Amino acid sequence: MEIKNGIVTRLDGIKIIQHLIPISNTLARPQYPMIPEYITIHNTGNPGASALANSMYVDNVDTYKSWHFTVGSNEVYQELPITESAWHAGDGKTGTGNRKSIGIEIAEVDGAEGTAIRFVAQLVNATKIKIENIVPHQRWSGKYCPRLILPHWDKFIENIQKEMESDNMTVQEAEKIIQEKAGLDNNTMQYLRFYRFSDALLIKLAIAMNKLNQA
């Protein structure tokens, strides 16, 4: 992930689309400066509606409702820079949820939760927000949200942690995983290192092997 001036310019393996709420929508986008300390997870609450549909809605409705990212299946729409606060937590104008957290809406479509896990892992690694500061919307207002994730919230966080570890994997760690899981000898590993596989490809292969083993 790469972030410039609060805008995510690149994600690893996920499409990022800039769909910013217009500055003219002053109710939805008050442009209050923010240094994020939390990440707040939501579900959109409208089954089957795509990430694009939810993104277009929040871009076009100028009211006290906004968030930073809308996640779909292998795609993420950015609605606000993460350097601006949004109205998503339900805890008021000065509430910590609204003024100090990145709001992520997860569309209720197939594949969106898996994409959110990968996206949040990259976001945490990039921003250095603490893993324990990934919280449900329920934390701020009591609303039962994210309604599809709350029943397995601990597993959701566990999967983010695993994804974070994969993102931080070194080449040496990747080589060890590949050698152990595939039962390769040292000569074969030397061949892979120097003649066939780049460092990035070795890491991707090790991540895939870990995921296959966890399935």
Protein backbone atom coordinates (compact mmCIF):
# COMPACT_ATOMS: atom_id res chain seq x y z
CA MET A 1 0.00 0.00 0.00
CA GLU A 2 1.07 3.54 -0.76
CA ILE A 3 -0.58 6.62 0.79
CA LYS A 4 0.01 10.23 -0.27
CA ASN A 5 -1.71 13.16 1.47
CA GLY A 6 -4.30 10.83 2.94
CA ILE A 7 -5.10 9.20 -0.42
CA VAL A 8 -4.36 5.53 -1.04
CA THR A 9 -2.58 5.47 -4.38
CA ARG A 10 -1.75 1.75 -4.51
CA LEU A 11 -2.94 -1.49 -2.95
CA ASP A 12 -1.28 -4.87 -3.26
CA GLY A 13 -3.57 -7.25 -5.13
CA ILE A 14 -6.71 -5.10 -4.72
CA LYS A 15 -8.10 -2.46 -7.08
CA ILE A 16 -8.31 1.02 -5.53
CA ILE A 17 -10.65 3.60 -7.04
CA GLN A 18 -10.78 7.27 -6.00
CA HIS A 19 -14.42 8.31 -5.63
CA LEU A 20 -14.08 11.28 -3.30
CA ILE A 21 -17.08 13.07 -1.85
CA PRO A 22 -17.15 16.56 -3.42
CA ILE A 23 -15.79 19.36 -1.27
CA SER A 24 -18.99 21.25 -2.06
CA ASN A 25 -20.90 18.68 0.05
CA THR A 26 -20.07 20.53 3.24
CA LEU A 27 -22.39 18.54 5.51
CA ALA A 28 -20.98 15.18 4.46
CA ARG A 29 -17.43 16.49 4.13
CA PRO A 30 -16.71 19.22 6.71
CA GLN A 31 -12.94 18.84 6.14
CA TYR A 32 -12.12 18.60 9.82
CA PRO A 33 -8.46 17.53 10.06
CA MET A 34 -7.83 14.10 11.53
CA ILE A 35 -4.91 12.01 12.73
CA PRO A 36 -6.50 8.54 12.80
CA GLU A 37 -6.08 6.38 15.88
CA TYR A 38 -8.78 3.78 15.14
CA ILE A 39 -10.28 1.84 12.26
CA THR A 40 -14.05 1.37 12.49
CA ILE A 41 -15.67 -1.51 10.64
CA HIS A 42 -19.22 -1.32 9.26
CA ASN A 43 -21.51 -3.38 7.05
CA THR A 44 -23.57 -1.35 4.61
CA GLY A 45 -26.87 -2.92 5.71
CA ASN A 46 -28.24 -3.30 2.16
CA PRO A 47 -27.74 -6.90 0.97
CA GLY A 48 -26.67 -7.28 -2.65
CA ALA A 49 -25.88 -3.61 -3.26
CA SER A 50 -22.41 -3.29 -4.77
CA ALA A 51 -19.53 -1.27 -3.41
CA LEU A 52 -19.95 1.11 -6.36
CA ALA A 53 -23.64 1.64 -5.57
CA ASN A 54 -22.84 2.47 -1.94
CA SER A 55 -19.99 4.73 -3.01
CA MET A 56 -22.19 6.65 -5.45
CA TYR A 57 -24.84 7.05 -2.75
CA VAL A 58 -22.51 8.64 -0.19
CA ASP A 59 -20.93 10.86 -2.86
CA ASN A 60 -24.28 12.27 -3.93
CA VAL A 61 -26.14 12.72 -0.63
CA ASP A 62 -25.04 15.84 1.22
CA THR A 63 -26.02 15.05 4.79
CA TYR A 64 -24.29 14.10 8.03
CA LYS A 65 -23.26 10.72 6.63
CA SER A 66 -19.86 9.82 5.23
CA TRP A 67 -17.01 7.35 5.54
CA HIS A 68 -13.54 6.81 4.14
CA PHE A 69 -13.65 3.53 2.19
CA THR A 70 -16.25 1.25 0.63
CA VAL A 71 -15.08 -2.33 0.16
CA GLY A 72 -16.44 -4.74 -2.42
CA SER A 73 -15.12 -7.95 -3.96
CA ASN A 74 -11.46 -7.27 -4.78
CA GLU A 75 -12.10 -3.53 -5.04
CA VAL A 76 -12.01 -0.56 -2.68
CA TYR A 77 -13.49 2.89 -3.28
CA GLN A 78 -12.02 5.80 -1.34
CA GLU A 79 -14.58 8.43 -0.31
CA LEU A 80 -12.42 10.71 1.88
CA PRO A 81 -8.73 11.21 2.63
CA ILE A 82 -7.76 9.54 5.91
CA THR A 83 -6.55 12.96 7.04
CA GLU A 84 -10.19 14.17 7.28
CA SER A 85 -12.82 13.04 9.75
CA ALA A 86 -16.19 11.64 8.65
CA TRP A 87 -19.71 11.07 10.00
CA HIS A 88 -19.95 7.29 10.38
CA ALA A 89 -19.65 6.34 14.06
CA GLY A 90 -22.83 7.84 15.50
CA ASP A 91 -21.03 9.42 18.47
CA GLY A 92 -21.50 13.09 17.66
CA LYS A 93 -19.50 16.03 16.36
CA THR A 94 -16.67 15.61 18.86
CA GLY A 95 -16.87 11.83 19.38
CA THR A 96 -13.71 9.76 19.07
CA GLY A 97 -15.34 7.45 16.54
CA ASN A 98 -16.14 10.27 14.15
CA ARG A 99 -13.12 12.46 14.79
CA LYS A 100 -10.33 9.91 15.22
CA SER A 101 -11.26 6.79 13.26
CA ILE A 102 -11.14 5.64 9.65
CA GLY A 103 -14.61 4.45 8.63
CA ILE A 104 -14.76 1.37 6.41
CA GLU A 105 -18.07 0.21 4.95
CA ILE A 106 -18.08 -3.40 3.74
CA ALA A 107 -20.65 -4.12 1.05
CA GLU A 108 -22.91 -7.11 1.67
CA VAL A 109 -21.79 -9.02 -1.41
CA ASP A 110 -19.78 -12.20 -1.93
CA GLY A 111 -16.04 -11.70 -1.51
CA ALA A 112 -16.24 -8.33 0.23
CA GLU A 113 -15.30 -9.54 3.71
CA GLY A 114 -12.21 -11.35 2.41
CA THR A 115 -11.19 -8.24 0.53
CA ALA A 116 -11.73 -6.17 3.67
CA ILE A 117 -9.43 -8.46 5.65
CA ARG A 118 -6.64 -7.99 3.12
CA PHE A 119 -7.29 -4.25 2.85
CA VAL A 120 -7.37 -3.59 6.59
CA ALA A 121 -4.16 -5.59 7.05
CA GLN A 122 -2.40 -3.35 4.53
CA LEU A 123 -3.93 -0.23 6.09
CA VAL A 124 -2.76 -1.18 9.59
CA ASN A 125 0.76 -1.93 8.35
CA ALA A 126 0.87 1.41 6.50
CA THR A 127 -0.60 3.62 9.24
CA LYS A 128 0.78 1.74 12.28
CA ILE A 129 -2.64 1.90 13.95
CA LYS A 130 -2.74 -0.70 16.72
CA ILE A 131 -4.49 -3.98 15.95
CA GLU A 132 -6.56 -3.58 19.12
CA ASN A 133 -7.82 -0.27 17.70
CA ILE A 134 -9.70 -2.04 14.92
CA VAL A 135 -13.21 -1.80 16.33
CA PRO A 136 -16.82 -2.42 15.28
CA HIS A 137 -19.27 0.45 14.80
CA GLN A 138 -21.01 -0.98 17.86
CA ARG A 139 -18.10 0.28 19.99
CA TRP A 140 -19.08 3.92 19.47
CA SER A 141 -22.87 3.99 19.32
CA GLY A 142 -24.15 0.61 20.45
CA LYS A 143 -25.61 -0.13 17.00
CA TYR A 144 -25.41 -3.81 16.01
CA CYS A 145 -22.92 -3.18 13.23
CA PRO A 146 -21.14 -4.67 11.35
CA ARG A 147 -24.05 -7.05 11.52
CA LEU A 148 -22.51 -9.79 9.34
CA ILE A 149 -19.15 -9.74 11.10
CA LEU A 150 -20.01 -9.29 14.78
CA PRO A 151 -20.98 -12.97 15.21
CA HIS A 152 -17.37 -13.95 14.32
CA TRP A 153 -15.54 -10.73 15.23
CA ASP A 154 -12.60 -12.47 16.95
CA LYS A 155 -12.00 -14.62 13.85
CA PHE A 156 -12.17 -11.52 11.66
CA ILE A 157 -9.41 -9.86 13.70
CA GLU A 158 -7.39 -13.08 13.76
CA ASN A 159 -7.51 -13.24 9.95
CA ILE A 160 -6.34 -9.62 9.71
CA GLN A 161 -3.40 -10.44 11.98
CA LYS A 162 -2.45 -13.41 9.78
CA GLU A 163 -2.65 -11.23 6.69
CA MET A 164 -0.46 -8.59 8.34
CA GLU A 165 2.17 -11.19 9.13
CA SER A 166 2.15 -12.30 5.51
CA ASP A 167 2.58 -8.71 4.32
CA ASN A 168 5.63 -8.36 6.58
CA MET A 169 7.21 -11.67 5.57
CA THR A 170 10.93 -11.56 4.72
CA VAL A 171 12.51 -13.50 1.86
CA GLN A 172 14.33 -15.70 4.37
CA GLU A 173 11.07 -16.57 6.12
CA ALA A 174 9.45 -17.30 2.77
CA GLU A 175 12.26 -19.65 1.76
CA LYS A 176 11.97 -21.55 5.02
CA ILE A 177 8.20 -21.99 4.59
CA ILE A 178 8.56 -23.19 0.99
CA GLN A 179 11.34 -25.62 1.82
CA GLU A 180 9.51 -27.13 4.80
CA LYS A 181 6.05 -27.35 3.25
CA ALA A 182 7.21 -28.61 -0.14
CA GLY A 183 9.94 -30.89 1.24
CA LEU A 184 12.64 -29.41 -1.03
CA ASP A 185 16.35 -30.02 -0.63
CA ASN A 186 18.96 -27.26 -0.47
CA ASN A 187 20.01 -27.64 -4.11
CA THR A 188 16.45 -27.14 -5.31
CA MET A 189 16.06 -24.08 -3.08
CA GLN A 190 19.28 -22.64 -4.48
CA TYR A 191 17.90 -23.14 -7.99
CA LEU A 192 14.67 -21.35 -7.10
CA ARG A 193 16.53 -18.46 -5.48
CA PHE A 194 19.03 -17.73 -8.18
CA TYR A 195 17.61 -18.97 -11.45
CA ARG A 196 13.83 -18.94 -11.39
CA PHE A 197 11.98 -17.06 -8.67
CA SER A 198 12.32 -13.41 -7.69
CA ASP A 199 12.11 -12.41 -4.02
CA ALA A 200 8.56 -11.13 -4.53
CA LEU A 201 7.47 -14.38 -6.14
CA LEU A 202 9.01 -16.46 -3.34
CA ILE A 203 7.05 -14.44 -0.77
CA LYS A 204 3.81 -14.82 -2.75
CA LEU A 205 4.36 -18.56 -3.00
CA ALA A 206 5.01 -18.87 0.73
CA ILE A 207 1.87 -16.86 1.53
CA ALA A 208 -0.18 -19.11 -0.76
CA MET A 209 1.25 -22.21 0.92
CA ASN A 210 0.37 -20.83 4.36
CA LYS A 211 -3.19 -20.08 3.28
CA LEU A 212 -3.58 -23.55 1.76
CA ASN A 213 -2.36 -25.11 4.98
CA GLN A 214 -4.86 -23.03 7.02
CA ALA A 215 -7.83 -23.90 4.80
